[in-house]
Amino acid sequence: MAVVIILARPLPYRNQLPAAWGDDCLGDPAVISDVFSPAAFSQARIDHGRFLDDPWYECSWTWNPGGGSAEHQSISLEVKVLADDEFEDYSGLIETIRSSDFEQIDAESIAGFDSGYCSSSIGGTSQFVCRGAAGNLQVGIVATGGNDEVGDSGITVEDYLVEVGAFVREQLAR
């Protein structure tokens, strides 16, 4: 009698997040600060990273883009890594958002991710959400207030997710 052993394919990302991420957002201030002009970055308040629930991480920053502008924007970055499963694609969520009266889909894929989307609120407080998933990793950015740019950087929330996603994938790759 032959015994067949099927080995599961290892998940692509470690679900152990770097401890340094608790000291600075993603452990490296440059990941955040390089996006902004020095003047815009000096106006930002960056919260330390928080490990919310293993393996779920969040950091955020807030500023008043444009210096004297009354507009206030906050950005929240979250990283989730599953230990023994992969994230499902976002096709069902995209269809739900598409039928919503409160949100619209701005992108149905994100470069560097297997599945992703960006959406924005319709009316009320402006909110821009972009999430991407690759294997057992999910990275998301939520911007509240302002427009679809990260502060006054000229970089959209989607483009910044692509940049941050590349950094996170590199840091957590097996």
Protein backbone atom coordinates (compact mmCIF):
# COMPACT_ATOMS: atom_id res chain seq x y z
CA MET A 1 0.00 0.00 0.00
CA ALA A 2 1.42 3.37 -1.02
CA VAL A 3 0.94 6.40 1.17
CA VAL A 4 0.63 9.72 -0.61
CA ILE A 5 1.61 12.82 1.30
CA ILE A 6 0.46 16.12 -0.07
CA LEU A 7 2.52 19.05 1.06
CA ALA A 8 0.75 22.37 1.27
CA ARG A 9 2.30 25.22 -0.61
CA PRO A 10 3.84 27.63 1.92
CA LEU A 11 2.16 31.00 2.20
CA PRO A 12 4.23 33.78 0.61
CA TYR A 13 4.42 36.15 3.62
CA ARG A 14 5.55 35.68 7.21
CA ASN A 15 2.79 36.48 9.66
CA GLN A 16 5.29 37.79 12.18
CA LEU A 17 5.46 41.57 11.87
CA PRO A 18 8.75 43.37 12.62
CA ALA A 19 8.94 44.69 16.22
CA ALA A 20 10.48 47.96 14.91
CA TRP A 21 7.11 48.76 13.31
CA GLY A 22 5.86 49.57 16.83
CA ASP A 23 8.43 52.35 17.20
CA ASP A 24 7.88 54.16 13.91
CA CYS A 25 5.26 53.73 11.22
CA LEU A 26 6.52 50.65 9.32
CA GLY A 27 9.77 50.94 11.29
CA ASP A 28 11.26 53.49 8.89
CA PRO A 29 10.21 57.17 8.96
CA ALA A 30 11.41 57.52 5.36
CA VAL A 31 8.59 55.25 4.13
CA ILE A 32 6.18 58.00 5.19
CA SER A 33 8.29 61.17 4.96
CA ASP A 34 9.74 60.63 1.46
CA VAL A 35 6.28 61.18 -0.02
CA PHE A 36 5.94 64.71 1.32
CA SER A 37 7.73 67.96 0.75
CA PRO A 38 9.79 68.91 3.84
CA ALA A 39 7.26 71.64 4.69
CA ALA A 40 4.29 69.29 4.43
CA PHE A 41 6.04 66.59 6.44
CA SER A 42 6.90 69.05 9.20
CA GLN A 43 3.15 69.70 9.59
CA ALA A 44 2.31 66.02 9.92
CA ARG A 45 1.62 64.28 13.21
CA ILE A 46 2.64 60.65 12.82
CA ASP A 47 1.38 58.14 15.34
CA HIS A 48 3.56 55.23 16.30
CA GLY A 49 2.57 51.93 14.81
CA ARG A 50 0.15 49.76 16.75
CA PHE A 51 -0.15 46.00 16.76
CA LEU A 52 -3.92 45.65 17.10
CA ASP A 53 -4.33 41.90 16.96
CA ASP A 54 -1.65 39.53 15.80
CA PRO A 55 -1.06 39.79 12.89
CA TRP A 56 -2.85 43.10 12.35
CA TYR A 57 -0.96 46.36 12.32
CA GLU A 58 -1.97 49.99 11.94
CA CYS A 59 -0.29 53.37 11.87
CA SER A 60 -1.71 56.73 10.98
CA TRP A 61 -0.79 60.31 10.37
CA THR A 62 -2.71 63.56 10.32
CA TRP A 63 -1.97 66.99 8.96
CA ASN A 64 -3.40 70.17 7.65
CA PRO A 65 -2.40 70.02 3.97
CA GLY A 66 -1.41 73.27 2.36
CA GLY A 67 -0.25 74.91 5.58
CA GLY A 68 -2.90 77.52 6.37
CA SER A 69 -5.74 75.59 4.78
CA ALA A 70 -8.66 74.77 7.03
CA GLU A 71 -8.86 71.32 5.47
CA HIS A 72 -7.64 68.51 7.69
CA GLN A 73 -6.72 65.05 6.43
CA SER A 74 -5.93 61.83 8.22
CA ILE A 75 -4.45 58.70 6.72
CA SER A 76 -4.63 55.25 8.23
CA LEU A 77 -2.46 52.39 6.99
CA GLU A 78 -3.23 48.82 7.95
CA VAL A 79 -1.41 45.57 7.31
CA LYS A 80 -2.93 42.15 7.96
CA VAL A 81 -1.20 38.81 7.48
CA LEU A 82 -3.05 35.53 7.82
CA ALA A 83 -1.16 32.60 9.37
CA ASP A 84 -2.81 29.75 7.50
CA ASP A 85 -5.01 31.07 4.70
CA GLU A 86 -5.01 33.47 1.76
CA PHE A 87 -7.24 36.50 1.34
CA GLU A 88 -10.11 36.09 -1.12
CA ASP A 89 -10.30 38.39 -4.10
CA TYR A 90 -12.37 41.53 -3.83
CA SER A 91 -14.78 40.85 -6.70
CA GLY A 92 -17.81 40.39 -4.40
CA LEU A 93 -17.00 43.54 -2.44
CA ILE A 94 -16.50 45.51 -5.65
CA GLU A 95 -19.98 44.47 -6.84
CA THR A 96 -21.46 45.51 -3.48
CA ILE A 97 -19.78 48.91 -3.62
CA ARG A 98 -20.85 49.34 -7.26
CA SER A 99 -24.51 49.02 -6.19
CA SER A 100 -24.11 51.44 -3.27
CA ASP A 101 -25.54 54.94 -3.16
CA PHE A 102 -22.75 56.07 -0.83
CA GLU A 103 -19.58 54.81 -2.48
CA GLN A 104 -18.14 54.45 -5.95
CA ILE A 105 -15.38 52.24 -7.34
CA ASP A 106 -12.37 54.16 -8.60
CA ALA A 107 -10.09 51.20 -9.41
CA GLU A 108 -10.65 47.44 -9.69
CA SER A 109 -7.04 46.37 -9.38
CA ILE A 110 -3.88 47.59 -7.69
CA ALA A 111 -0.42 47.10 -9.20
CA GLY A 112 1.65 44.55 -7.30
CA PHE A 113 -1.36 42.79 -5.72
CA ASP A 114 -3.35 39.74 -6.83
CA SER A 115 -6.58 41.57 -6.05
CA GLY A 116 -7.36 45.13 -5.09
CA TYR A 117 -9.71 48.06 -5.31
CA CYS A 118 -10.04 51.76 -4.56
CA SER A 119 -13.30 53.44 -3.68
CA SER A 120 -14.44 56.89 -2.67
CA SER A 121 -17.43 58.19 -0.76
CA ILE A 122 -20.19 60.06 -2.54
CA GLY A 123 -21.25 63.20 -0.69
CA GLY A 124 -20.66 63.88 2.98
CA THR A 125 -17.15 63.49 4.39
CA SER A 126 -14.69 62.62 1.68
CA GLN A 127 -13.08 59.25 2.21
CA PHE A 128 -10.78 57.35 -0.13
CA VAL A 129 -10.08 53.66 0.49
CA CYS A 130 -7.59 51.45 -1.33
CA ARG A 131 -6.86 47.84 -0.40
CA GLY A 132 -4.73 45.21 -2.02
CA ALA A 133 -4.29 41.52 -1.24
CA ALA A 134 -1.54 39.15 -2.32
CA GLY A 135 -1.60 35.63 -0.93
CA ASN A 136 -1.94 35.87 2.85
CA LEU A 137 -1.13 39.62 2.96
CA GLN A 138 -3.56 42.56 2.86
CA VAL A 139 -2.48 46.21 2.85
CA GLY A 140 -4.96 49.07 3.00
CA ILE A 141 -4.94 52.85 3.15
CA VAL A 142 -7.90 54.98 4.21
CA ALA A 143 -7.73 58.75 3.70
CA THR A 144 -10.41 60.87 5.36
CA GLY A 145 -10.80 64.55 4.50
CA GLY A 146 -8.99 66.32 1.70
CA ASN A 147 -8.92 64.80 -1.74
CA ASP A 148 -7.58 61.54 -3.21
CA GLU A 149 -3.98 62.69 -2.75
CA VAL A 150 -1.80 61.98 0.27
CA GLY A 151 -1.57 65.46 1.76
CA ASP A 152 -0.16 67.92 -0.76
CA SER A 153 2.28 65.36 -2.17
CA GLY A 154 0.62 65.02 -5.57
CA ILE A 155 0.64 61.23 -4.99
CA THR A 156 -2.76 59.55 -5.01
CA VAL A 157 -3.83 57.14 -2.29
CA GLU A 158 -3.72 54.37 -4.91
CA ASP A 159 -0.16 55.18 -6.01
CA TYR A 160 0.96 55.38 -2.40
CA LEU A 161 -0.58 51.97 -1.69
CA VAL A 162 1.47 50.58 -4.58
CA GLU A 163 4.66 52.06 -3.03
CA VAL A 164 3.88 51.02 0.54
CA GLY A 165 2.72 47.60 -0.66
CA ALA A 166 6.06 46.96 -2.36
CA PHE A 167 7.89 47.90 0.86
CA VAL A 168 5.66 45.67 3.02
CA ARG A 169 5.90 42.70 0.63
CA GLU A 170 9.70 43.01 0.66
CA GLN A 171 9.79 43.20 4.48
CA LEU A 172 7.52 40.18 5.01
CA ALA A 173 8.53 37.88 2.13
CA ARG A 174 9.53 34.38 3.20
